[in-house]
Amino acid sequence: MPKDATVYSIDSTNARTAASRTPLTDQLSAILAQLSEAMVEADDISLDFKGKLMVHLDVKRGEDLPLVEAKLSALGDGMFSQVSRGATPHHPFSHRVTALVTI
């Protein structure tokens, strides 16, 4: 009986196939670079993962919120969805735009 010497990763994909994918840190760095370039109105851009990958853009000027939301919705071929507004923790004069990131 022939033996299978193929190495598999945790998610049952072939290890060679998994190794040829772009590392997650590189993907996240590319997302941050894309956002930093496009969102000049944002004072701070951060990624957060608590079961879902979210991006937070902190904006000081309330007038910039509609522009940031529109840019975010159009950026990355639909990578950003469920765009919402909220308060920025510990920064009472900032506004936060949050979106779900789908890689």
PDB file of N, CA and C in Angstrom:
ATOM      1  N   MET A   1       0.836  -1.157   0.000  1.00  0.00           N
ATOM      2  CA  MET A   1       0.000   0.000   0.000  1.00  0.00           C
ATOM      3  C   MET A   1       0.897   1.242   0.000  1.00  0.00           C
ATOM      4  N   PRO A   2       0.652   2.184  -0.947  1.00  0.00           N
ATOM      5  CA  PRO A   2       1.482   3.384  -1.005  1.00  0.00           C
ATOM      6  C   PRO A   2       1.184   4.308   0.176  1.00  0.00           C
ATOM      7  N   LYS A   3       2.224   4.971   0.611  1.00  0.00           N
ATOM      8  CA  LYS A   3       2.063   5.894   1.735  1.00  0.00           C
ATOM      9  C   LYS A   3       1.974   7.323   1.217  1.00  0.00           C
ATOM     10  N   ASP A   4       1.126   8.095   1.856  1.00  0.00           N
ATOM     11  CA  ASP A   4       0.952   9.496   1.495  1.00  0.00           C
ATOM     12  C   ASP A   4       1.922  10.331   2.327  1.00  0.00           C
ATOM     13  N   ALA A   5       2.901  10.943   1.668  1.00  0.00           N
ATOM     14  CA  ALA A   5       3.899  11.750   2.371  1.00  0.00           C
ATOM     15  C   ALA A   5       3.579  13.242   2.290  1.00  0.00           C
ATOM     16  N   THR A   6       2.381  13.563   1.861  1.00  0.00           N
ATOM     17  CA  THR A   6       1.987  14.961   1.749  1.00  0.00           C
ATOM     18  C   THR A   6       1.750  15.540   3.139  1.00  0.00           C
ATOM     19  N   VAL A   7       2.255  16.733   3.354  1.00  0.00           N
ATOM     20  CA  VAL A   7       2.075  17.415   4.628  1.00  0.00           C
ATOM     21  C   VAL A   7       0.868  18.343   4.496  1.00  0.00           C
ATOM     22  N   TYR A   8      -0.030  18.269   5.483  1.00  0.00           N
ATOM     23  CA  TYR A   8      -1.230  19.099   5.466  1.00  0.00           C
ATOM     24  C   TYR A   8      -1.178  20.110   6.607  1.00  0.00           C
ATOM     25  N   SER A   9      -1.822  21.239   6.385  1.00  0.00           N
ATOM     26  CA  SER A   9      -1.897  22.255   7.435  1.00  0.00           C
ATOM     27  C   SER A   9      -3.093  21.964   8.331  1.00  0.00           C
ATOM     28  N   ILE A  10      -3.285  22.786   9.336  1.00  0.00           N
ATOM     29  CA  ILE A  10      -4.367  22.585  10.301  1.00  0.00           C
ATOM     30  C   ILE A  10      -5.732  22.588   9.621  1.00  0.00           C
ATOM     31  N   ASP A  11      -5.912  23.431   8.600  1.00  0.00           N
ATOM     32  CA  ASP A  11      -7.222  23.516   7.946  1.00  0.00           C
ATOM     33  C   ASP A  11      -7.382  22.512   6.802  1.00  0.00           C
ATOM     34  N   SER A  12      -6.573  21.463   6.791  1.00  0.00           N
ATOM     35  CA  SER A  12      -6.636  20.350   5.836  1.00  0.00           C
ATOM     36  C   SER A  12      -6.257  20.719   4.412  1.00  0.00           C
ATOM     37  N   THR A  13      -5.638  21.877   4.214  1.00  0.00           N
ATOM     38  CA  THR A  13      -5.143  22.197   2.882  1.00  0.00           C
ATOM     39  C   THR A  13      -3.702  21.726   2.792  1.00  0.00           C
ATOM     40  N   ASN A  14      -3.273  21.491   1.592  1.00  0.00           N
ATOM     41  CA  ASN A  14      -1.904  21.067   1.357  1.00  0.00           C
ATOM     42  C   ASN A  14      -0.966  22.161   1.866  1.00  0.00           C
ATOM     43  N   ALA A  15       0.065  21.793   2.596  1.00  0.00           N
ATOM     44  CA  ALA A  15       0.979  22.771   3.202  1.00  0.00           C
ATOM     45  C   ALA A  15       1.669  23.625   2.146  1.00  0.00           C
ATOM     46  N   ARG A  16       1.976  23.041   0.992  1.00  0.00           N
ATOM     47  CA  ARG A  16       2.606  23.829  -0.071  1.00  0.00           C
ATOM     48  C   ARG A  16       1.656  24.910  -0.569  1.00  0.00           C
ATOM     49  N   THR A  17       0.387  24.570  -0.712  1.00  0.00           N
ATOM     50  CA  THR A  17      -0.605  25.550  -1.145  1.00  0.00           C
ATOM     51  C   THR A  17      -0.747  26.641  -0.093  1.00  0.00           C
ATOM     52  N   ALA A  18      -0.804  26.262   1.151  1.00  0.00           N
ATOM     53  CA  ALA A  18      -0.932  27.236   2.237  1.00  0.00           C
ATOM     54  C   ALA A  18       0.292  28.142   2.299  1.00  0.00           C
ATOM     55  N   ALA A  19       1.474  27.591   2.068  1.00  0.00           N
ATOM     56  CA  ALA A  19       2.705  28.373   2.138  1.00  0.00           C
ATOM     57  C   ALA A  19       2.800  29.372   0.988  1.00  0.00           C
ATOM     58  N   SER A  20       2.145  29.077  -0.134  1.00  0.00           N
ATOM     59  CA  SER A  20       2.227  29.978  -1.278  1.00  0.00           C
ATOM     60  C   SER A  20       1.282  31.170  -1.141  1.00  0.00           C
ATOM     61  N   ARG A  21       0.374  31.147  -0.173  1.00  0.00           N
ATOM     62  CA  ARG A  21      -0.527  32.275   0.065  1.00  0.00           C
ATOM     63  C   ARG A  21       0.232  33.436   0.696  1.00  0.00           C
ATOM     64  N   THR A  22      -0.305  34.626   0.520  1.00  0.00           N
ATOM     65  CA  THR A  22       0.288  35.808   1.138  1.00  0.00           C
ATOM     66  C   THR A  22       0.086  35.727   2.648  1.00  0.00           C
ATOM     67  N   PRO A  23       1.145  35.919   3.437  1.00  0.00           N
ATOM     68  CA  PRO A  23       0.996  35.872   4.899  1.00  0.00           C
ATOM     69  C   PRO A  23      -0.018  36.915   5.392  1.00  0.00           C
ATOM     70  N   LEU A  24      -0.692  36.586   6.454  1.00  0.00           N
ATOM     71  CA  LEU A  24      -1.731  37.456   7.010  1.00  0.00           C
ATOM     72  C   LEU A  24      -1.181  38.826   7.392  1.00  0.00           C
ATOM     73  N   THR A  25       0.007  38.869   7.973  1.00  0.00           N
ATOM     74  CA  THR A  25       0.584  40.162   8.364  1.00  0.00           C
ATOM     75  C   THR A  25       0.813  41.050   7.144  1.00  0.00           C
ATOM     76  N   ASP A  26       1.206  40.446   6.024  1.00  0.00           N
ATOM     77  CA  ASP A  26       1.395  41.226   4.801  1.00  0.00           C
ATOM     78  C   ASP A  26       0.060  41.757   4.282  1.00  0.00           C
ATOM     79  N   GLN A  27      -0.993  40.939   4.366  1.00  0.00           N
ATOM     80  CA  GLN A  27      -2.324  41.376   3.936  1.00  0.00           C
ATOM     81  C   GLN A  27      -2.813  42.540   4.799  1.00  0.00           C
ATOM     82  N   LEU A  28      -2.629  42.426   6.116  1.00  0.00           N
ATOM     83  CA  LEU A  28      -3.069  43.488   7.030  1.00  0.00           C
ATOM     84  C   LEU A  28      -2.263  44.773   6.814  1.00  0.00           C
ATOM     85  N   SER A  29      -0.966  44.630   6.578  1.00  0.00           N
ATOM     86  CA  SER A  29      -0.122  45.802   6.303  1.00  0.00           C
ATOM     87  C   SER A  29      -0.554  46.493   5.017  1.00  0.00           C
ATOM     88  N   ALA A  30      -0.929  45.699   4.008  1.00  0.00           N
ATOM     89  CA  ALA A  30      -1.394  46.266   2.738  1.00  0.00           C
ATOM     90  C   ALA A  30      -2.708  47.021   2.926  1.00  0.00           C
ATOM     91  N   ILE A  31      -3.601  46.479   3.748  1.00  0.00           N
ATOM     92  CA  ILE A  31      -4.876  47.154   4.030  1.00  0.00           C
ATOM     93  C   ILE A  31      -4.618  48.489   4.728  1.00  0.00           C
ATOM     94  N   LEU A  32      -3.751  48.484   5.737  1.00  0.00           N
ATOM     95  CA  LEU A  32      -3.433  49.730   6.452  1.00  0.00           C
ATOM     96  C   LEU A  32      -2.774  50.755   5.532  1.00  0.00           C
ATOM     97  N   ALA A  33      -1.883  50.295   4.651  1.00  0.00           N
ATOM     98  CA  ALA A  33      -1.224  51.207   3.717  1.00  0.00           C
ATOM     99  C   ALA A  33      -2.235  51.816   2.751  1.00  0.00           C
ATOM    100  N   GLN A  34      -3.150  50.992   2.246  1.00  0.00           N
ATOM    101  CA  GLN A  34      -4.188  51.470   1.332  1.00  0.00           C
ATOM    102  C   GLN A  34      -5.079  52.510   2.023  1.00  0.00           C
ATOM    103  N   LEU A  35      -5.460  52.233   3.253  1.00  0.00           N
ATOM    104  CA  LEU A  35      -6.302  53.165   4.005  1.00  0.00           C
ATOM    105  C   LEU A  35      -5.556  54.461   4.328  1.00  0.00           C
ATOM    106  N   SER A  36      -4.299  54.354   4.732  1.00  0.00           N
ATOM    107  CA  SER A  36      -3.507  55.541   5.069  1.00  0.00           C
ATOM    108  C   SER A  36      -3.353  56.462   3.865  1.00  0.00           C
ATOM    109  N   GLU A  37      -3.192  55.861   2.699  1.00  0.00           N
ATOM    110  CA  GLU A  37      -3.034  56.642   1.476  1.00  0.00           C
ATOM    111  C   GLU A  37      -4.342  57.333   1.073  1.00  0.00           C
ATOM    112  N   ALA A  38      -5.450  56.626   1.204  1.00  0.00           N
ATOM    113  CA  ALA A  38      -6.739  57.150   0.738  1.00  0.00           C
ATOM    114  C   ALA A  38      -7.438  58.045   1.759  1.00  0.00           C
ATOM    115  N   MET A  39      -7.217  57.799   3.031  1.00  0.00           N
ATOM    116  CA  MET A  39      -7.969  58.499   4.083  1.00  0.00           C
ATOM    117  C   MET A  39      -7.125  59.565   4.763  1.00  0.00           C
ATOM    118  N   VAL A  40      -6.822  60.617   4.045  1.00  0.00           N
ATOM    119  CA  VAL A  40      -6.002  61.691   4.617  1.00  0.00           C
ATOM    120  C   VAL A  40      -6.761  62.456   5.704  1.00  0.00           C
ATOM    121  N   GLU A  41      -8.090  62.337   5.712  1.00  0.00           N
ATOM    122  CA  GLU A  41      -8.907  63.015   6.723  1.00  0.00           C
ATOM    123  C   GLU A  41      -8.836  62.326   8.088  1.00  0.00           C
ATOM    124  N   ALA A  42      -8.420  61.076   8.112  1.00  0.00           N
ATOM    125  CA  ALA A  42      -8.380  60.310   9.363  1.00  0.00           C
ATOM    126  C   ALA A  42      -7.118  60.641  10.155  1.00  0.00           C
ATOM    127  N   ASP A  43      -7.299  60.894  11.442  1.00  0.00           N
ATOM    128  CA  ASP A  43      -6.161  61.159  12.326  1.00  0.00           C
ATOM    129  C   ASP A  43      -5.519  59.869  12.807  1.00  0.00           C
ATOM    130  N   ASP A  44      -6.317  58.818  12.911  1.00  0.00           N
ATOM    131  CA  ASP A  44      -5.807  57.526  13.372  1.00  0.00           C
ATOM    132  C   ASP A  44      -6.578  56.418  12.666  1.00  0.00           C
ATOM    133  N   ILE A  45      -5.849  55.392  12.235  1.00  0.00           N
ATOM    134  CA  ILE A  45      -6.453  54.229  11.583  1.00  0.00           C
ATOM    135  C   ILE A  45      -5.974  52.998  12.329  1.00  0.00           C
ATOM    136  N   SER A  46      -6.908  52.145  12.735  1.00  0.00           N
ATOM    137  CA  SER A  46      -6.519  50.937  13.463  1.00  0.00           C
ATOM    138  C   SER A  46      -7.385  49.762  13.029  1.00  0.00           C
ATOM    139  N   LEU A  47      -6.824  48.577  13.186  1.00  0.00           N
ATOM    140  CA  LEU A  47      -7.542  47.335  12.933  1.00  0.00           C
ATOM    141  C   LEU A  47      -7.795  46.660  14.269  1.00  0.00           C
ATOM    142  N   ASP A  48      -8.920  45.981  14.368  1.00  0.00           N
ATOM    143  CA  ASP A  48      -9.328  45.337  15.611  1.00  0.00           C
ATOM    144  C   ASP A  48      -9.952  43.994  15.259  1.00  0.00           C
ATOM    145  N   PHE A  49      -9.566  42.946  15.980  1.00  0.00           N
ATOM    146  CA  PHE A  49     -10.165  41.633  15.742  1.00  0.00           C
ATOM    147  C   PHE A  49     -10.722  41.079  17.042  1.00  0.00           C
ATOM    148  N   LYS A  50     -12.030  40.934  17.065  1.00  0.00           N
ATOM    149  CA  LYS A  50     -12.730  40.273  18.169  1.00  0.00           C
ATOM    150  C   LYS A  50     -13.801  39.401  17.536  1.00  0.00           C
ATOM    151  N   GLY A  51     -13.363  38.346  16.867  1.00  0.00           N
ATOM    152  CA  GLY A  51     -14.278  37.476  16.141  1.00  0.00           C
ATOM    153  C   GLY A  51     -14.506  37.936  14.712  1.00  0.00           C
ATOM    154  N   LYS A  52     -14.367  39.225  14.464  1.00  0.00           N
ATOM    155  CA  LYS A  52     -14.488  39.825  13.137  1.00  0.00           C
ATOM    156  C   LYS A  52     -13.402  40.880  13.012  1.00  0.00           C
ATOM    157  N   LEU A  53     -12.872  41.031  11.802  1.00  0.00           N
ATOM    158  CA  LEU A  53     -11.863  42.058  11.563  1.00  0.00           C
ATOM    159  C   LEU A  53     -12.568  43.381  11.262  1.00  0.00           C
ATOM    160  N   MET A  54     -12.271  44.380  12.074  1.00  0.00           N
ATOM    161  CA  MET A  54     -12.885  45.700  11.930  1.00  0.00           C
ATOM    162  C   MET A  54     -11.792  46.747  11.732  1.00  0.00           C
ATOM    163  N   VAL A  55     -12.117  47.787  10.973  1.00  0.00           N
ATOM    164  CA  VAL A  55     -11.224  48.931  10.838  1.00  0.00           C
ATOM    165  C   VAL A  55     -11.900  50.118  11.515  1.00  0.00           C
ATOM    166  N   HIS A  56     -11.087  50.905  12.225  1.00  0.00           N
ATOM    167  CA  HIS A  56     -11.576  52.106  12.902  1.00  0.00           C
ATOM    168  C   HIS A  56     -10.795  53.301  12.361  1.00  0.00           C
ATOM    169  N   LEU A  57     -11.524  54.309  11.924  1.00  0.00           N
ATOM    170  CA  LEU A  57     -10.913  55.541  11.444  1.00  0.00           C
ATOM    171  C   LEU A  57     -11.396  56.677  12.339  1.00  0.00           C
ATOM    172  N   ASP A  58     -10.472  57.320  13.030  1.00  0.00           N
ATOM    173  CA  ASP A  58     -10.815  58.418  13.930  1.00  0.00           C
ATOM    174  C   ASP A  58     -10.618  59.742  13.193  1.00  0.00           C
ATOM    175  N   VAL A  59     -11.660  60.557  13.208  1.00  0.00           N
ATOM    176  CA  VAL A  59     -11.694  61.812  12.459  1.00  0.00           C
ATOM    177  C   VAL A  59     -12.038  62.943  13.426  1.00  0.00           C
ATOM    178  N   LYS A  60     -11.312  64.045  13.351  1.00  0.00           N
ATOM    179  CA  LYS A  60     -11.587  65.177  14.251  1.00  0.00           C
ATOM    180  C   LYS A  60     -12.735  66.040  13.749  1.00  0.00           C
ATOM    181  N   ARG A  61     -12.771  66.304  12.457  1.00  0.00           N
ATOM    182  CA  ARG A  61     -13.786  67.207  11.911  1.00  0.00           C
ATOM    183  C   ARG A  61     -15.040  66.430  11.524  1.00  0.00           C
ATOM    184  N   GLY A  62     -16.153  66.782  12.118  1.00  0.00           N
ATOM    185  CA  GLY A  62     -17.419  66.122  11.821  1.00  0.00           C
ATOM    186  C   GLY A  62     -17.838  66.268  10.367  1.00  0.00           C
ATOM    187  N   GLU A  63     -17.404  67.364   9.712  1.00  0.00           N
ATOM    188  CA  GLU A  63     -17.732  67.576   8.300  1.00  0.00           C
ATOM    189  C   GLU A  63     -17.098  66.526   7.396  1.00  0.00           C
ATOM    190  N   ASP A  64     -16.012  65.903   7.867  1.00  0.00           N
ATOM    191  CA  ASP A  64     -15.310  64.905   7.055  1.00  0.00           C
ATOM    192  C   ASP A  64     -15.946  63.518   7.124  1.00  0.00           C
ATOM    193  N   LEU A  65     -16.865  63.299   8.052  1.00  0.00           N
ATOM    194  CA  LEU A  65     -17.460  61.966   8.219  1.00  0.00           C
ATOM    195  C   LEU A  65     -18.130  61.433   6.955  1.00  0.00           C
ATOM    196  N   PRO A  66     -18.997  62.200   6.278  1.00  0.00           N
ATOM    197  CA  PRO A  66     -19.616  61.658   5.059  1.00  0.00           C
ATOM    198  C   PRO A  66     -18.592  61.318   3.977  1.00  0.00           C
ATOM    199  N   LEU A  67     -17.540  62.127   3.868  1.00  0.00           N
ATOM    200  CA  LEU A  67     -16.496  61.869   2.880  1.00  0.00           C
ATOM    201  C   LEU A  67     -15.749  60.580   3.202  1.00  0.00           C
ATOM    202  N   VAL A  68     -15.382  60.398   4.463  1.00  0.00           N
ATOM    203  CA  VAL A  68     -14.675  59.187   4.887  1.00  0.00           C
ATOM    204  C   VAL A  68     -15.549  57.954   4.663  1.00  0.00           C
ATOM    205  N   GLU A  69     -16.829  58.045   5.004  1.00  0.00           N
ATOM    206  CA  GLU A  69     -17.745  56.917   4.798  1.00  0.00           C
ATOM    207  C   GLU A  69     -17.876  56.570   3.321  1.00  0.00           C
ATOM    208  N   ALA A  70     -17.988  57.578   2.474  1.00  0.00           N
ATOM    209  CA  ALA A  70     -18.117  57.339   1.034  1.00  0.00           C
ATOM    210  C   ALA A  70     -16.849  56.719   0.461  1.00  0.00           C
ATOM    211  N   LYS A  71     -15.694  57.240   0.858  1.00  0.00           N
ATOM    212  CA  LYS A  71     -14.423  56.685   0.379  1.00  0.00           C
ATOM    213  C   LYS A  71     -14.263  55.237   0.824  1.00  0.00           C
ATOM    214  N   LEU A  72     -14.608  54.968   2.068  1.00  0.00           N
ATOM    215  CA  LEU A  72     -14.452  53.625   2.626  1.00  0.00           C
ATOM    216  C   LEU A  72     -15.333  52.621   1.892  1.00  0.00           C
ATOM    217  N   SER A  73     -16.552  53.017   1.580  1.00  0.00           N
ATOM    218  CA  SER A  73     -17.468  52.122   0.871  1.00  0.00           C
ATOM    219  C   SER A  73     -16.979  51.811  -0.539  1.00  0.00           C
ATOM    220  N   ALA A  74     -16.282  52.763  -1.168  1.00  0.00           N
ATOM    221  CA  ALA A  74     -15.816  52.582  -2.540  1.00  0.00           C
ATOM    222  C   ALA A  74     -14.435  51.934  -2.627  1.00  0.00           C
ATOM    223  N   LEU A  75     -13.733  51.852  -1.531  1.00  0.00           N
ATOM    224  CA  LEU A  75     -12.351  51.372  -1.519  1.00  0.00           C
ATOM    225  C   LEU A  75     -12.273  49.853  -1.461  1.00  0.00           C
ATOM    226  N   GLY A  76     -11.280  49.279  -2.107  1.00  0.00           N
ATOM    227  CA  GLY A  76     -10.984  47.859  -1.964  1.00  0.00           C
ATOM    228  C   GLY A  76     -11.994  46.900  -2.556  1.00  0.00           C
ATOM    229  N   ASP A  77     -12.694  47.286  -3.607  1.00  0.00           N
ATOM    230  CA  ASP A  77     -13.650  46.398  -4.287  1.00  0.00           C
ATOM    231  C   ASP A  77     -14.634  45.753  -3.324  1.00  0.00           C
ATOM    232  N   GLY A  78     -15.208  46.538  -2.445  1.00  0.00           N
ATOM    233  CA  GLY A  78     -16.207  46.017  -1.515  1.00  0.00           C
ATOM    234  C   GLY A  78     -15.635  45.309  -0.303  1.00  0.00           C
ATOM    235  N   MET A  79     -14.350  45.494  -0.037  1.00  0.00           N
ATOM    236  CA  MET A  79     -13.701  44.859   1.110  1.00  0.00           C
ATOM    237  C   MET A  79     -14.259  45.383   2.434  1.00  0.00           C
ATOM    238  N   PHE A  80     -14.739  46.626   2.424  1.00  0.00           N
ATOM    239  CA  PHE A  80     -15.246  47.261   3.641  1.00  0.00           C
ATOM    240  C   PHE A  80     -16.768  47.368   3.569  1.00  0.00           C
ATOM    241  N   SER A  81     -17.442  46.822   4.562  1.00  0.00           N
ATOM    242  CA  SER A  81     -18.909  46.862   4.586  1.00  0.00           C
ATOM    243  C   SER A  81     -19.373  47.195   6.003  1.00  0.00           C
ATOM    244  N   GLN A  82     -20.662  47.330   6.173  1.00  0.00           N
ATOM    245  CA  GLN A  82     -21.269  47.658   7.465  1.00  0.00           C
ATOM    246  C   GLN A  82     -20.612  48.893   8.089  1.00  0.00           C
ATOM    247  N   VAL A  83     -20.491  49.935   7.290  1.00  0.00           N
ATOM    248  CA  VAL A  83     -19.874  51.187   7.731  1.00  0.00           C
ATOM    249  C   VAL A  83     -20.817  51.885   8.715  1.00  0.00           C
ATOM    250  N   SER A  84     -20.265  52.281   9.864  1.00  0.00           N
ATOM    251  CA  SER A  84     -21.080  52.955  10.880  1.00  0.00           C
ATOM    252  C   SER A  84     -20.267  54.048  11.575  1.00  0.00           C
ATOM    253  N   ARG A  85     -20.981  54.932  12.255  1.00  0.00           N
ATOM    254  CA  ARG A  85     -20.363  56.026  13.015  1.00  0.00           C
ATOM    255  C   ARG A  85     -20.511  55.773  14.502  1.00  0.00           C
ATOM    256  N   GLY A  86     -19.599  56.353  15.252  1.00  0.00           N
ATOM    257  CA  GLY A  86     -19.698  56.249  16.701  1.00  0.00           C
ATOM    258  C   GLY A  86     -18.721  57.195  17.365  1.00  0.00           C
ATOM    259  N   ALA A  87     -18.675  57.133  18.667  1.00  0.00           N
ATOM    260  CA  ALA A  87     -17.749  57.964  19.438  1.00  0.00           C
ATOM    261  C   ALA A  87     -16.389  57.281  19.510  1.00  0.00           C
ATOM    262  N   THR A  88     -15.351  58.090  19.625  1.00  0.00           N
ATOM    263  CA  THR A  88     -13.997  57.573  19.785  1.00  0.00           C
ATOM    264  C   THR A  88     -13.712  57.439  21.276  1.00  0.00           C
ATOM    265  N   PRO A  89     -13.364  56.241  21.750  1.00  0.00           N
ATOM    266  CA  PRO A  89     -13.088  56.066  23.181  1.00  0.00           C
ATOM    267  C   PRO A  89     -11.957  56.984  23.662  1.00  0.00           C
ATOM    268  N   HIS A  90     -12.180  57.649  24.771  1.00  0.00           N
ATOM    269  CA  HIS A  90     -11.190  58.507  25.434  1.00  0.00           C
ATOM    270  C   HIS A  90     -10.802  59.748  24.627  1.00  0.00           C
ATOM    271  N   HIS A  91     -11.541  60.052  23.559  1.00  0.00           N
ATOM    272  CA  HIS A  91     -11.291  61.250  22.755  1.00  0.00           C
ATOM    273  C   HIS A  91     -12.635  61.916  22.464  1.00  0.00           C
ATOM    274  N   PRO A  92     -13.108  62.749  23.379  1.00  0.00           N
ATOM    275  CA  PRO A  92     -14.460  63.300  23.250  1.00  0.00           C
ATOM    276  C   PRO A  92     -14.678  64.192  22.029  1.00  0.00           C
ATOM    277  N   PHE A  93     -13.617  64.728  21.436  1.00  0.00           N
ATOM    278  CA  PHE A  93     -13.788  65.625  20.296  1.00  0.00           C
ATOM    279  C   PHE A  93     -13.512  64.939  18.964  1.00  0.00           C
ATOM    280  N   SER A  94     -13.360  63.630  18.971  1.00  0.00           N
ATOM    281  CA  SER A  94     -13.145  62.872  17.736  1.00  0.00           C
ATOM    282  C   SER A  94     -14.383  62.056  17.412  1.00  0.00           C
ATOM    283  N   HIS A  95     -14.488  61.688  16.168  1.00  0.00           N
ATOM    284  CA  HIS A  95     -15.577  60.845  15.685  1.00  0.00           C
ATOM    285  C   HIS A  95     -14.948  59.587  15.103  1.00  0.00           C
ATOM    286  N   ARG A  96     -15.632  58.468  15.207  1.00  0.00           N
ATOM    287  CA  ARG A  96     -15.086  57.204  14.715  1.00  0.00           C
ATOM    288  C   ARG A  96     -15.989  56.627  13.638  1.00  0.00           C
ATOM    289  N   VAL A  97     -15.368  56.239  12.530  1.00  0.00           N
ATOM    290  CA  VAL A  97     -16.043  55.495  11.474  1.00  0.00           C
ATOM    291  C   VAL A  97     -15.501  54.076  11.553  1.00  0.00           C
ATOM    292  N   THR A  98     -16.388  53.110  11.630  1.00  0.00           N
ATOM    293  CA  THR A  98     -16.007  51.703  11.769  1.00  0.00           C
ATOM    294  C   THR A  98     -16.609  50.912  10.619  1.00  0.00           C
ATOM    295  N   ALA A  99     -15.858  49.911  10.140  1.00  0.00           N
ATOM    296  CA  ALA A  99     -16.363  49.057   9.066  1.00  0.00           C
ATOM    297  C   ALA A  99     -15.840  47.637   9.242  1.00  0.00           C
ATOM    298  N   LEU A 100     -16.611  46.689   8.773  1.00  0.00           N
ATOM    299  CA  LEU A 100     -16.215  45.286   8.744  1.00  0.00           C
ATOM    300  C   LEU A 100     -15.286  45.084   7.556  1.00  0.00           C
ATOM    301  N   VAL A 101     -14.172  44.368   7.772  1.00  0.00           N
ATOM    302  CA  VAL A 101     -13.209  44.096   6.710  1.00  0.00           C
ATOM    303  C   VAL A 101     -13.352  42.638   6.300  1.00  0.00           C
ATOM    304  N   THR A 102     -13.537  42.402   5.007  1.00  0.00           N
ATOM    305  CA  THR A 102     -13.619  41.049   4.475  1.00  0.00           C
ATOM    306  C   THR A 102     -12.445  40.836   3.533  1.00  0.00           C
ATOM    307  N   ILE A 103     -11.561  39.918   3.892  1.00  0.00           N
ATOM    308  CA  ILE A 103     -10.371  39.646   3.074  1.00  0.00           C
ATOM    309  C   ILE A 103     -10.675  38.506   2.131  1.00  0.00           C
TER     310      ILE A 103
END
